[in-house]
Amino acid sequence: VQLQASGGGLVQPGGSLRLSCAVSGRTYSMLSVGWFRQAPGKEREFVSTISWSSGRTYIADSMKGRFTISRDNAENTVFLQMNSLKTEDTAVYYCTADPHDWSGSDFQRYGMTYWGKGTQVTVSS
């Protein structure tokens, strides 16, 4: 499975960004696609996942109401819409995928199998 993330950049606090993740390869083996992030000096952090088949979504508590994950199955693409961005959202965002259809808390605990190269999101005035 190959994951290509894009859409990162510099945005002011309160602004919005939409990240995209193009999924290719053995997509039939992948049941969940999501996002993790890692800020400098911090551990990786679960952001969100979406079930490829059912569309069920999970969002980290600190991002609920601000971030939305969605998918386009025909284009094998997952999106992360990020609104009301805060300086603490600054991080490298990684698109991830996994052959399990777990809950967000499970992925938060165990991580995900496939990782793409990250895209930098910087929230600063």
C-alpha atoms as a PDB file:
ATOM      1  CA  VAL A   1       0.000   0.000   0.000  1.00  0.00           C
ATOM      2  CA  GLN A   2       1.353   3.407  -0.968  1.00  0.00           C
ATOM      3  CA  LEU A   3       0.102   6.582   0.668  1.00  0.00           C
ATOM      4  CA  GLN A   4       0.789  10.044  -0.724  1.00  0.00           C
ATOM      5  CA  ALA A   5      -0.237  12.977   1.461  1.00  0.00           C
ATOM      6  CA  SER A   6      -0.541  16.537   0.243  1.00  0.00           C
ATOM      7  CA  GLY A   7      -2.134  19.836   1.141  1.00  0.00           C
ATOM      8  CA  GLY A   8       0.003  20.979   4.029  1.00  0.00           C
ATOM      9  CA  GLY A   9       1.265  24.517   4.359  1.00  0.00           C
ATOM     10  CA  LEU A  10       1.370  27.651   6.443  1.00  0.00           C
ATOM     11  CA  VAL A  11      -1.896  29.033   7.770  1.00  0.00           C
ATOM     12  CA  GLN A  12      -2.841  31.631  10.338  1.00  0.00           C
ATOM     13  CA  PRO A  13      -4.621  30.683  13.558  1.00  0.00           C
ATOM     14  CA  GLY A  14      -8.308  30.251  12.890  1.00  0.00           C
ATOM     15  CA  GLY A  15      -7.675  29.308   9.298  1.00  0.00           C
ATOM     16  CA  SER A  16      -8.402  26.098   7.404  1.00  0.00           C
ATOM     17  CA  LEU A  17      -6.523  23.497   5.407  1.00  0.00           C
ATOM     18  CA  ARG A  18      -7.574  20.338   3.629  1.00  0.00           C
ATOM     19  CA  LEU A  19      -5.157  17.460   3.476  1.00  0.00           C
ATOM     20  CA  SER A  20      -5.467  14.763   0.844  1.00  0.00           C
ATOM     21  CA  CYS A  21      -4.139  11.226   0.838  1.00  0.00           C
ATOM     22  CA  ALA A  22      -3.962   9.256  -2.375  1.00  0.00           C
ATOM     23  CA  VAL A  23      -3.989   5.507  -1.724  1.00  0.00           C
ATOM     24  CA  SER A  24      -2.565   3.044  -4.213  1.00  0.00           C
ATOM     25  CA  GLY A  25      -1.263  -0.500  -4.355  1.00  0.00           C
ATOM     26  CA  ARG A  26      -2.992  -3.338  -2.557  1.00  0.00           C
ATOM     27  CA  THR A  27      -5.982  -1.283  -1.566  1.00  0.00           C
ATOM     28  CA  TYR A  28      -8.144  -4.398  -1.277  1.00  0.00           C
ATOM     29  CA  SER A  29      -6.134  -5.325   1.805  1.00  0.00           C
ATOM     30  CA  MET A  30      -6.793  -2.061   3.546  1.00  0.00           C
ATOM     31  CA  LEU A  31      -9.842  -1.537   5.740  1.00  0.00           C
ATOM     32  CA  SER A  32      -9.013   1.711   7.503  1.00  0.00           C
ATOM     33  CA  VAL A  33      -7.276   4.885   6.428  1.00  0.00           C
ATOM     34  CA  GLY A  34      -6.406   7.709   8.733  1.00  0.00           C
ATOM     35  CA  TRP A  35      -4.105  10.395   9.962  1.00  0.00           C
ATOM     36  CA  PHE A  36      -1.551  10.711  12.707  1.00  0.00           C
ATOM     37  CA  ARG A  37       0.546  13.736  13.469  1.00  0.00           C
ATOM     38  CA  GLN A  38       3.821  14.442  15.229  1.00  0.00           C
ATOM     39  CA  ALA A  39       4.974  17.788  16.533  1.00  0.00           C
ATOM     40  CA  PRO A  40       8.651  18.510  17.246  1.00  0.00           C
ATOM     41  CA  GLY A  41       9.744  16.923  20.485  1.00  0.00           C
ATOM     42  CA  LYS A  42       6.421  15.164  20.976  1.00  0.00           C
ATOM     43  CA  GLU A  43       5.158  11.655  20.484  1.00  0.00           C
ATOM     44  CA  ARG A  44       3.024  10.783  17.528  1.00  0.00           C
ATOM     45  CA  GLU A  45      -0.637  11.510  18.069  1.00  0.00           C
ATOM     46  CA  PHE A  46      -3.754   9.908  16.644  1.00  0.00           C
ATOM     47  CA  VAL A  47      -5.898  12.310  14.622  1.00  0.00           C
ATOM     48  CA  SER A  48      -8.597  10.413  12.777  1.00  0.00           C
ATOM     49  CA  THR A  49      -9.539   7.283  10.871  1.00  0.00           C
ATOM     50  CA  ILE A  50     -12.262   6.253   8.464  1.00  0.00           C
ATOM     51  CA  SER A  51     -13.460   2.771   7.607  1.00  0.00           C
ATOM     52  CA  TRP A  52     -12.956   2.179   3.909  1.00  0.00           C
ATOM     53  CA  SER A  53     -16.075   0.043   3.613  1.00  0.00           C
ATOM     54  CA  SER A  54     -18.593   1.512   6.057  1.00  0.00           C
ATOM     55  CA  GLY A  55     -17.385   5.092   6.211  1.00  0.00           C
ATOM     56  CA  ARG A  56     -17.457   5.043  10.018  1.00  0.00           C
ATOM     57  CA  THR A  57     -15.200   7.758  11.345  1.00  0.00           C
ATOM     58  CA  TYR A  58     -13.211   8.431  14.488  1.00  0.00           C
ATOM     59  CA  ILE A  59     -11.764  11.783  15.522  1.00  0.00           C
ATOM     60  CA  ALA A  60      -9.484  12.489  18.462  1.00  0.00           C
ATOM     61  CA  ASP A  61     -11.337  14.309  21.233  1.00  0.00           C
ATOM     62  CA  SER A  62      -9.163  17.409  20.999  1.00  0.00           C
ATOM     63  CA  MET A  63     -10.055  17.796  17.338  1.00  0.00           C
ATOM     64  CA  LYS A  64     -13.755  17.015  17.374  1.00  0.00           C
ATOM     65  CA  GLY A  65     -15.786  19.841  15.944  1.00  0.00           C
ATOM     66  CA  ARG A  66     -12.799  21.184  14.032  1.00  0.00           C
ATOM     67  CA  PHE A  67     -11.507  18.283  11.926  1.00  0.00           C
ATOM     68  CA  THR A  68     -13.506  16.124   9.535  1.00  0.00           C
ATOM     69  CA  ILE A  69     -12.345  13.033   7.677  1.00  0.00           C
ATOM     70  CA  SER A  70     -13.952  11.823   4.475  1.00  0.00           C
ATOM     71  CA  ARG A  71     -13.201   9.521   1.567  1.00  0.00           C
ATOM     72  CA  ASP A  72     -13.713   9.214  -2.152  1.00  0.00           C
ATOM     73  CA  ASN A  73     -13.692   5.498  -2.845  1.00  0.00           C
ATOM     74  CA  ALA A  74     -13.761   5.965  -6.609  1.00  0.00           C
ATOM     75  CA  GLU A  75     -10.593   8.051  -6.451  1.00  0.00           C
ATOM     76  CA  ASN A  76      -9.004   6.077  -3.595  1.00  0.00           C
ATOM     77  CA  THR A  77      -8.504   9.317  -1.740  1.00  0.00           C
ATOM     78  CA  VAL A  78      -9.037  10.333   1.875  1.00  0.00           C
ATOM     79  CA  PHE A  79      -9.387  13.921   2.986  1.00  0.00           C
ATOM     80  CA  LEU A  80      -8.844  15.670   6.304  1.00  0.00           C
ATOM     81  CA  GLN A  81     -10.617  18.997   6.519  1.00  0.00           C
ATOM     82  CA  MET A  82      -9.101  21.078   9.306  1.00  0.00           C
ATOM     83  CA  ASN A  83     -10.918  24.211  10.459  1.00  0.00           C
ATOM     84  CA  SER A  84     -10.323  26.661  13.290  1.00  0.00           C
ATOM     85  CA  LEU A  85      -6.678  25.717  13.326  1.00  0.00           C
ATOM     86  CA  LYS A  86      -4.623  26.464  16.417  1.00  0.00           C
ATOM     87  CA  THR A  87      -0.898  26.908  16.862  1.00  0.00           C
ATOM     88  CA  GLU A  88      -0.819  23.594  18.704  1.00  0.00           C
ATOM     89  CA  ASP A  89      -2.008  21.871  15.530  1.00  0.00           C
ATOM     90  CA  THR A  90       1.411  22.534  14.034  1.00  0.00           C
ATOM     91  CA  ALA A  91       2.920  19.167  13.169  1.00  0.00           C
ATOM     92  CA  VAL A  92       3.857  16.788  10.419  1.00  0.00           C
ATOM     93  CA  TYR A  93       0.702  14.973   9.387  1.00  0.00           C
ATOM     94  CA  TYR A  94       1.029  11.390   8.182  1.00  0.00           C
ATOM     95  CA  CYS A  95      -1.484   9.473   6.147  1.00  0.00           C
ATOM     96  CA  THR A  96      -1.824   5.949   7.445  1.00  0.00           C
ATOM     97  CA  ALA A  97      -3.651   2.740   6.581  1.00  0.00           C
ATOM     98  CA  ASP A  98      -4.295  -0.612   8.186  1.00  0.00           C
ATOM     99  CA  PRO A  99      -5.876  -3.951   7.296  1.00  0.00           C
ATOM    100  CA  HIS A 100      -7.982  -3.869  10.471  1.00  0.00           C
ATOM    101  CA  ASP A 101     -11.348  -2.197  10.931  1.00  0.00           C
ATOM    102  CA  TRP A 102     -10.737  -1.047  14.495  1.00  0.00           C
ATOM    103  CA  SER A 103     -11.985   1.850  16.548  1.00  0.00           C
ATOM    104  CA  GLY A 104     -10.040   5.039  16.869  1.00  0.00           C
ATOM    105  CA  SER A 105      -8.977   4.173  20.402  1.00  0.00           C
ATOM    106  CA  ASP A 106      -7.529   0.879  19.163  1.00  0.00           C
ATOM    107  CA  PHE A 107      -5.515   2.613  16.478  1.00  0.00           C
ATOM    108  CA  GLN A 108      -4.463   5.229  18.985  1.00  0.00           C
ATOM    109  CA  ARG A 109      -3.132   2.473  21.185  1.00  0.00           C
ATOM    110  CA  TYR A 110      -1.625   0.139  18.584  1.00  0.00           C
ATOM    111  CA  GLY A 111      -0.834   2.450  15.684  1.00  0.00           C
ATOM    112  CA  MET A 112      -1.390   1.637  12.038  1.00  0.00           C
ATOM    113  CA  THR A 113       0.527  -0.606   9.661  1.00  0.00           C
ATOM    114  CA  TYR A 114       1.205   1.542   6.603  1.00  0.00           C
ATOM    115  CA  TRP A 115       2.618   5.054   6.718  1.00  0.00           C
ATOM    116  CA  GLY A 116       3.202   7.572   3.999  1.00  0.00           C
ATOM    117  CA  LYS A 117       5.600  10.490   3.991  1.00  0.00           C
ATOM    118  CA  GLY A 118       4.231  13.337   6.024  1.00  0.00           C
ATOM    119  CA  THR A 119       3.073  16.769   5.043  1.00  0.00           C
ATOM    120  CA  GLN A 120       3.972  19.761   7.188  1.00  0.00           C
ATOM    121  CA  VAL A 121       1.204  21.877   8.672  1.00  0.00           C
ATOM    122  CA  THR A 122       2.298  25.109  10.333  1.00  0.00           C
ATOM    123  CA  VAL A 123      -0.181  27.321  12.130  1.00  0.00           C
ATOM    124  CA  SER A 124       1.369  30.668  12.882  1.00  0.00           C
ATOM    125  CA  SER A 125       0.634  34.357  12.674  1.00  0.00           C
END
